PDB file of all heavy atoms in Angstrom:
ATOM      1  N   GLU A   1     108.691  99.917  86.512  1.00  0.00           N
ATOM      2  CA  GLU A   1     109.000 100.883  85.463  1.00  0.00           C
ATOM      3  C   GLU A   1     109.097 102.264  86.096  1.00  0.00           C
ATOM      4  O   GLU A   1     108.219 102.670  86.847  1.00  0.00           O
ATOM      5  CB  GLU A   1     107.914 100.873  84.392  1.00  0.00           C
ATOM      6  CG  GLU A   1     107.868  99.592  83.586  1.00  0.00           C
ATOM      7  CD  GLU A   1     106.763  99.590  82.536  1.00  0.00           C
ATOM      8  OE1 GLU A   1     106.150 100.657  82.294  1.00  0.00           O
ATOM      9  OE2 GLU A   1     106.520  98.524  81.978  1.00  0.00           O
ATOM     10  N   LEU A   2     110.178 102.955  85.787  1.00  0.00           N
ATOM     11  CA  LEU A   2     110.375 104.315  86.272  1.00  0.00           C
ATOM     12  C   LEU A   2     110.358 105.257  85.078  1.00  0.00           C
ATOM     13  O   LEU A   2     110.995 104.981  84.062  1.00  0.00           O
ATOM     14  CB  LEU A   2     111.710 104.449  87.004  1.00  0.00           C
ATOM     15  CG  LEU A   2     111.899 103.585  88.235  1.00  0.00           C
ATOM     16  CD1 LEU A   2     113.350 103.616  88.700  1.00  0.00           C
ATOM     17  CD2 LEU A   2     110.984 104.057  89.343  1.00  0.00           C
ATOM     18  N   GLU A   3     109.642 106.340  85.192  1.00  0.00           N
ATOM     19  CA  GLU A   3     109.635 107.360  84.146  1.00  0.00           C
ATOM     20  C   GLU A   3     109.948 108.687  84.799  1.00  0.00           C
ATOM     21  O   GLU A   3     109.206 109.162  85.665  1.00  0.00           O
ATOM     22  CB  GLU A   3     108.287 107.422  83.431  1.00  0.00           C
ATOM     23  CG  GLU A   3     108.336 108.369  82.249  1.00  0.00           C
ATOM     24  CD  GLU A   3     107.143 108.235  81.311  1.00  0.00           C
ATOM     25  OE1 GLU A   3     106.357 107.292  81.470  1.00  0.00           O
ATOM     26  OE2 GLU A   3     107.026 109.068  80.427  1.00  0.00           O
ATOM     27  N   ASP A   4     111.076 109.265  84.406  1.00  0.00           N
ATOM     28  CA  ASP A   4     111.564 110.507  85.007  1.00  0.00           C
ATOM     29  C   ASP A   4     111.645 110.389  86.527  1.00  0.00           C
ATOM     30  O   ASP A   4     111.290 111.316  87.258  1.00  0.00           O
ATOM     31  CB  ASP A   4     110.681 111.694  84.602  1.00  0.00           C
ATOM     32  CG  ASP A   4     110.759 111.986  83.107  1.00  0.00           C
ATOM     33  OD1 ASP A   4     111.854 111.811  82.538  1.00  0.00           O
ATOM     34  OD2 ASP A   4     109.736 112.370  82.531  1.00  0.00           O
ATOM     35  N   GLY A   5     112.065 109.218  87.015  1.00  0.00           N
ATOM     36  CA  GLY A   5     112.229 108.998  88.438  1.00  0.00           C
ATOM     37  C   GLY A   5     110.951 108.661  89.196  1.00  0.00           C
ATOM     38  O   GLY A   5     110.987 108.388  90.381  1.00  0.00           O
ATOM     39  N   ARG A   6     109.812 108.690  88.513  1.00  0.00           N
ATOM     40  CA  ARG A   6     108.541 108.361  89.161  1.00  0.00           C
ATOM     41  C   ARG A   6     108.210 106.895  88.938  1.00  0.00           C
ATOM     42  O   ARG A   6     108.427 106.351  87.857  1.00  0.00           O
ATOM     43  CB  ARG A   6     107.414 109.243  88.614  1.00  0.00           C
ATOM     44  CG  ARG A   6     107.520 110.695  89.072  1.00  0.00           C
ATOM     45  CD  ARG A   6     106.300 111.482  88.647  1.00  0.00           C
ATOM     46  NE  ARG A   6     106.029 111.367  87.222  1.00  0.00           N
ATOM     47  CZ  ARG A   6     106.445 112.225  86.291  1.00  0.00           C
ATOM     48  NH1 ARG A   6     107.145 113.269  86.642  1.00  0.00           N
ATOM     49  NH2 ARG A   6     106.150 112.038  85.031  1.00  0.00           N
ATOM     50  N   ILE A   7     107.620 106.284  89.965  1.00  0.00           N
ATOM     51  CA  ILE A   7     107.269 104.870  89.896  1.00  0.00           C
ATOM     52  C   ILE A   7     106.041 104.690  89.020  1.00  0.00           C
ATOM     53  O   ILE A   7     105.027 105.360  89.214  1.00  0.00           O
ATOM     54  CB  ILE A   7     107.016 104.301  91.306  1.00  0.00           C
ATOM     55  CG1 ILE A   7     108.315 104.370  92.112  1.00  0.00           C
ATOM     56  CG2 ILE A   7     106.484 102.880  91.244  1.00  0.00           C
ATOM     57  CD1 ILE A   7     108.155 104.015  93.567  1.00  0.00           C
ATOM     58  N   GLY A   8     106.163 103.777  88.048  1.00  0.00           N
ATOM     59  CA  GLY A   8     105.048 103.445  87.171  1.00  0.00           C
ATOM     60  C   GLY A   8     104.525 102.063  87.503  1.00  0.00           C
ATOM     61  O   GLY A   8     104.290 101.743  88.672  1.00  0.00           O
ATOM     62  N   GLN A   9     104.407 101.229  86.493  1.00  0.00           N
ATOM     63  CA  GLN A   9     103.848  99.893  86.667  1.00  0.00           C
ATOM     64  C   GLN A   9     104.801  98.990  87.442  1.00  0.00           C
ATOM     65  O   GLN A   9     106.009  98.970  87.201  1.00  0.00           O
ATOM     66  CB  GLN A   9     103.543  99.272  85.309  1.00  0.00           C
ATOM     67  CG  GLN A   9     102.848  97.936  85.407  1.00  0.00           C
ATOM     68  CD  GLN A   9     102.458  97.389  84.039  1.00  0.00           C
ATOM     69  OE1 GLN A   9     102.830  97.921  83.016  1.00  0.00           O
ATOM     70  NE2 GLN A   9     101.712  96.309  84.054  1.00  0.00           N
ATOM     71  N   ILE A  10     104.232  98.226  88.385  1.00  0.00           N
ATOM     72  CA  ILE A  10     104.985  97.254  89.176  1.00  0.00           C
ATOM     73  C   ILE A  10     104.420  95.877  88.844  1.00  0.00           C
ATOM     74  O   ILE A  10     103.214  95.656  88.947  1.00  0.00           O
ATOM     75  CB  ILE A  10     104.844  97.541  90.691  1.00  0.00           C
ATOM     76  CG1 ILE A  10     105.422  98.921  91.025  1.00  0.00           C
ATOM     77  CG2 ILE A  10     105.533  96.452  91.508  1.00  0.00           C
ATOM     78  CD1 ILE A  10     105.167  99.379  92.441  1.00  0.00           C
ATOM     79  N   THR A  11     105.301  94.944  88.436  1.00  0.00           N
ATOM     80  CA  THR A  11     104.857  93.602  88.069  1.00  0.00           C
ATOM     81  C   THR A  11     105.768  92.557  88.710  1.00  0.00           C
ATOM     82  O   THR A  11     106.895  92.851  89.085  1.00  0.00           O
ATOM     83  CB  THR A  11     104.869  93.396  86.542  1.00  0.00           C
ATOM     84  OG1 THR A  11     106.194  93.653  86.046  1.00  0.00           O
ATOM     85  CG2 THR A  11     103.878  94.316  85.844  1.00  0.00           C
ATOM     86  N   GLY A  12     105.255  91.331  88.805  1.00  0.00           N
ATOM     87  CA  GLY A  12     106.041  90.205  89.296  1.00  0.00           C
ATOM     88  C   GLY A  12     105.779  89.850  90.741  1.00  0.00           C
ATOM     89  O   GLY A  12     106.158  88.780  91.196  1.00  0.00           O
ATOM     90  N   ASN A  13     105.127  90.743  91.481  1.00  0.00           N
ATOM     91  CA  ASN A  13     104.827  90.446  92.879  1.00  0.00           C
ATOM     92  C   ASN A  13     103.575  89.578  92.953  1.00  0.00           C
ATOM     93  O   ASN A  13     102.627  89.780  92.223  1.00  0.00           O
ATOM     94  CB  ASN A  13     104.643  91.730  93.687  1.00  0.00           C
ATOM     95  CG  ASN A  13     103.633  92.680  93.086  1.00  0.00           C
ATOM     96  OD1 ASN A  13     103.747  93.048  91.922  1.00  0.00           O
ATOM     97  ND2 ASN A  13     102.655  93.085  93.869  1.00  0.00           N
ATOM     98  N   THR A  14     103.603  88.593  93.847  1.00  0.00           N
ATOM     99  CA  THR A  14     102.443  87.711  93.988  1.00  0.00           C
ATOM    100  C   THR A  14     101.521  88.137  95.127  1.00  0.00           C
ATOM    101  O   THR A  14     100.450  87.583  95.279  1.00  0.00           O
ATOM    102  CB  THR A  14     102.887  86.247  94.225  1.00  0.00           C
ATOM    103  OG1 THR A  14     103.727  86.207  95.367  1.00  0.00           O
ATOM    104  CG2 THR A  14     103.625  85.706  93.017  1.00  0.00           C
ATOM    105  N   CYS A  15     101.960  89.131  95.917  1.00  0.00           N
ATOM    106  CA  CYS A  15     101.100  89.655  96.981  1.00  0.00           C
ATOM    107  C   CYS A  15     101.279  91.173  97.050  1.00  0.00           C
ATOM    108  O   CYS A  15     102.251  91.703  96.506  1.00  0.00           O
ATOM    109  CB  CYS A  15     101.401  88.984  98.323  1.00  0.00           C
ATOM    110  SG  CYS A  15     102.965  89.457  99.093  1.00  0.00           S
ATOM    111  N   PRO A  16     100.380  91.863  97.703  1.00  0.00           N
ATOM    112  CA  PRO A  16     100.468  93.331  97.779  1.00  0.00           C
ATOM    113  C   PRO A  16     101.732  93.834  98.471  1.00  0.00           C
ATOM    114  O   PRO A  16     102.175  94.953  98.218  1.00  0.00           O
ATOM    115  CB  PRO A  16      99.229  93.733  98.591  1.00  0.00           C
ATOM    116  CG  PRO A  16      98.307  92.569  98.538  1.00  0.00           C
ATOM    117  CD  PRO A  16      99.159  91.358  98.336  1.00  0.00           C
ATOM    118  N   ARG A  17     102.330  93.016  99.316  1.00  0.00           N
ATOM    119  CA  ARG A  17     103.550  93.448 100.004  1.00  0.00           C
ATOM    120  C   ARG A  17     104.683  93.732  99.025  1.00  0.00           C
ATOM    121  O   ARG A  17     105.553  94.554  99.300  1.00  0.00           O
ATOM    122  CB  ARG A  17     103.983  92.403 101.027  1.00  0.00           C
ATOM    123  CG  ARG A  17     103.071  92.393 102.252  1.00  0.00           C
ATOM    124  CD  ARG A  17     103.576  91.443 103.302  1.00  0.00           C
ATOM    125  NE  ARG A  17     103.156  90.096 102.951  1.00  0.00           N
ATOM    126  CZ  ARG A  17     103.338  89.039 103.707  1.00  0.00           C
ATOM    127  NH1 ARG A  17     103.975  89.156 104.849  1.00  0.00           N
ATOM    128  NH2 ARG A  17     102.919  87.865 103.327  1.00  0.00           N
ATOM    129  N   GLY A  18     104.674  93.065  97.869  1.00  0.00           N
ATOM    130  CA  GLY A  18     105.720  93.297  96.873  1.00  0.00           C
ATOM    131  C   GLY A  18     105.698  94.720  96.352  1.00  0.00           C
ATOM    132  O   GLY A  18     106.738  95.378  96.257  1.00  0.00           O
ATOM    133  N   ALA A  19     104.531  95.212  96.022  1.00  0.00           N
ATOM    134  CA  ALA A  19     104.407  96.588  95.530  1.00  0.00           C
ATOM    135  C   ALA A  19     104.774  97.572  96.638  1.00  0.00           C
ATOM    136  O   ALA A  19     105.454  98.573  96.396  1.00  0.00           O
ATOM    137  CB  ALA A  19     102.994  96.844  95.017  1.00  0.00           C
ATOM    138  N   ASP A  20     104.352  97.284  97.859  1.00  0.00           N
ATOM    139  CA  ASP A  20     104.689  98.158  98.988  1.00  0.00           C
ATOM    140  C   ASP A  20     106.200  98.193  99.213  1.00  0.00           C
ATOM    141  O   ASP A  20     106.783  99.257  99.416  1.00  0.00           O
ATOM    142  CB  ASP A  20     104.000  97.675 100.276  1.00  0.00           C
ATOM    143  CG  ASP A  20     102.496  97.850 100.238  1.00  0.00           C
ATOM    144  OD1 ASP A  20     101.989  98.631  99.394  1.00  0.00           O
ATOM    145  OD2 ASP A  20     101.808  97.194 101.046  1.00  0.00           O
ATOM    146  N   TYR A  21     106.832  97.010  99.167  1.00  0.00           N
ATOM    147  CA  TYR A  21     108.274  96.929  99.376  1.00  0.00           C
ATOM    148  C   TYR A  21     109.024  97.729  98.314  1.00  0.00           C
ATOM    149  O   TYR A  21     109.923  98.519  98.634  1.00  0.00           O
ATOM    150  CB  TYR A  21     108.749  95.470  99.367  1.00  0.00           C
ATOM    151  CG  TYR A  21     110.254  95.370  99.305  1.00  0.00           C
ATOM    152  CD1 TYR A  21     111.027  95.636 100.419  1.00  0.00           C
ATOM    153  CD2 TYR A  21     110.895  95.063  98.107  1.00  0.00           C
ATOM    154  CE1 TYR A  21     112.411  95.582 100.354  1.00  0.00           C
ATOM    155  CE2 TYR A  21     112.276  95.014  98.034  1.00  0.00           C
ATOM    156  CZ  TYR A  21     113.023  95.267  99.155  1.00  0.00           C
ATOM    157  OH  TYR A  21     114.396  95.231  99.092  1.00  0.00           O
ATOM    158  N   VAL A  22     108.680  97.523  97.049  1.00  0.00           N
ATOM    159  CA  VAL A  22     109.382  98.206  95.958  1.00  0.00           C
ATOM    160  C   VAL A  22     109.216  99.714  96.078  1.00  0.00           C
ATOM    161  O   VAL A  22     110.178 100.477  95.921  1.00  0.00           O
ATOM    162  CB  VAL A  22     108.890  97.691  94.591  1.00  0.00           C
ATOM    163  CG1 VAL A  22     109.357  98.575  93.458  1.00  0.00           C
ATOM    164  CG2 VAL A  22     109.376  96.262  94.375  1.00  0.00           C
ATOM    165  N   THR A  23     108.007 100.162  96.363  1.00  0.00           N
ATOM    166  CA  THR A  23     107.760 101.599  96.500  1.00  0.00           C
ATOM    167  C   THR A  23     108.605 102.179  97.628  1.00  0.00           C
ATOM    168  O   THR A  23     109.273 103.208  97.458  1.00  0.00           O
ATOM    169  CB  THR A  23     106.262 101.863  96.765  1.00  0.00           C
ATOM    170  OG1 THR A  23     105.520 101.342  95.658  1.00  0.00           O
ATOM    171  CG2 THR A  23     105.983 103.343  96.922  1.00  0.00           C
ATOM    172  N   LYS A  24     108.612 101.504  98.756  1.00  0.00           N
ATOM    173  CA  LYS A  24     109.401 101.974  99.896  1.00  0.00           C
ATOM    174  C   LYS A  24     110.902 101.927  99.583  1.00  0.00           C
ATOM    175  O   LYS A  24     111.645 102.844  99.922  1.00  0.00           O
ATOM    176  CB  LYS A  24     109.079 101.121 101.122  1.00  0.00           C
ATOM    177  CG  LYS A  24     109.675 101.629 102.404  1.00  0.00           C
ATOM    178  CD  LYS A  24     109.177 100.797 103.577  1.00  0.00           C
ATOM    179  CE  LYS A  24     109.759 101.287 104.877  1.00  0.00           C
ATOM    180  NZ  LYS A  24     109.351 100.476 106.013  1.00  0.00           N
ATOM    181  N   GLU A  25     111.335 100.867  98.942  1.00  0.00           N
ATOM    182  CA  GLU A  25     112.760 100.702  98.633  1.00  0.00           C
ATOM    183  C   GLU A  25     113.261 101.792  97.689  1.00  0.00           C
ATOM    184  O   GLU A  25     114.392 102.257  97.798  1.00  0.00           O
ATOM    185  CB  GLU A  25     113.011  99.318  98.042  1.00  0.00           C
ATOM    186  CG  GLU A  25     114.455  98.996  97.792  1.00  0.00           C
ATOM    187  CD  GLU A  25     115.320  98.918  99.049  1.00  0.00           C
ATOM    188  OE1 GLU A  25     114.785  98.821 100.171  1.00  0.00           O
ATOM    189  OE2 GLU A  25     116.554  98.964  98.892  1.00  0.00           O
ATOM    190  N   LEU A  26     112.422 102.215  96.768  1.00  0.00           N
ATOM    191  CA  LEU A  26     112.838 103.228  95.806  1.00  0.00           C
ATOM    192  C   LEU A  26     112.655 104.656  96.308  1.00  0.00           C
ATOM    193  O   LEU A  26     113.288 105.572  95.796  1.00  0.00           O
ATOM    194  CB  LEU A  26     112.084 103.042  94.487  1.00  0.00           C
ATOM    195  CG  LEU A  26     112.421 101.749  93.737  1.00  0.00           C
ATOM    196  CD1 LEU A  26     111.540 101.611  92.507  1.00  0.00           C
ATOM    197  CD2 LEU A  26     113.893 101.699  93.354  1.00  0.00           C
ATOM    198  N   THR A  27     111.799 104.860  97.296  1.00  0.00           N
ATOM    199  CA  THR A  27     111.546 106.218  97.779  1.00  0.00           C
ATOM    200  C   THR A  27     112.175 106.505  99.139  1.00  0.00           C
ATOM    201  O   THR A  27     112.589 107.625  99.400  1.00  0.00           O
ATOM    202  CB  THR A  27     110.028 106.507  97.862  1.00  0.00           C
ATOM    203  OG1 THR A  27     109.419 105.568  98.745  1.00  0.00           O
ATOM    204  CG2 THR A  27     109.384 106.430  96.492  1.00  0.00           C
ATOM    205  N   ASP A  28     112.220 105.508 100.018  1.00  0.00           N
ATOM    206  CA  ASP A  28     112.743 105.706 101.373  1.00  0.00           C
ATOM    207  C   ASP A  28     113.270 104.382 101.915  1.00  0.00           C
ATOM    208  O   ASP A  28     112.663 103.774 102.802  1.00  0.00           O
ATOM    209  CB  ASP A  28     111.632 106.246 102.286  1.00  0.00           C
ATOM    210  CG  ASP A  28     112.128 106.562 103.691  1.00  0.00           C
ATOM    211  OD1 ASP A  28     113.332 106.809 103.868  1.00  0.00           O
ATOM    212  OD2 ASP A  28     111.291 106.551 104.623  1.00  0.00           O
ATOM    213  N   PRO A  29     114.422 103.911 101.389  1.00  0.00           N
ATOM    214  CA  PRO A  29     114.934 102.609 101.832  1.00  0.00           C
ATOM    215  C   PRO A  29     115.321 102.632 103.305  1.00  0.00           C
ATOM    216  O   PRO A  29     115.954 103.570 103.769  1.00  0.00           O
ATOM    217  CB  PRO A  29     116.150 102.367 100.934  1.00  0.00           C
ATOM    218  CG  PRO A  29     116.552 103.704 100.436  1.00  0.00           C
ATOM    219  CD  PRO A  29     115.312 104.556 100.423  1.00  0.00           C
ATOM    220  N   ARG A  30     114.904 101.604 104.018  1.00  0.00           N
ATOM    221  CA  ARG A  30     115.152 101.499 105.455  1.00  0.00           C
ATOM    222  C   ARG A  30     115.596 100.083 105.788  1.00  0.00           C
ATOM    223  O   ARG A  30     115.263  99.149 105.078  1.00  0.00           O
ATOM    224  CB  ARG A  30     113.891 101.865 106.234  1.00  0.00           C
ATOM    225  CG  ARG A  30     113.426 103.297 105.964  1.00  0.00           C
ATOM    226  CD  ARG A  30     112.079 103.598 106.539  1.00  0.00           C
ATOM    227  NE  ARG A  30     112.063 104.066 107.903  1.00  0.00           N
ATOM    228  CZ  ARG A  30     112.498 105.246 108.320  1.00  0.00           C
ATOM    229  NH1 ARG A  30     113.011 106.085 107.466  1.00  0.00           N
ATOM    230  NH2 ARG A  30     112.427 105.587 109.584  1.00  0.00           N
TER     231      ARG A  30
END
């Protein structure tokens, strides 16, 4: 969930790497 471009709740990941990946992908994709 994004609110005004800021990352909010992240769901659906079964391990912590999912949240890390999404955060990185939305802020600094590499």
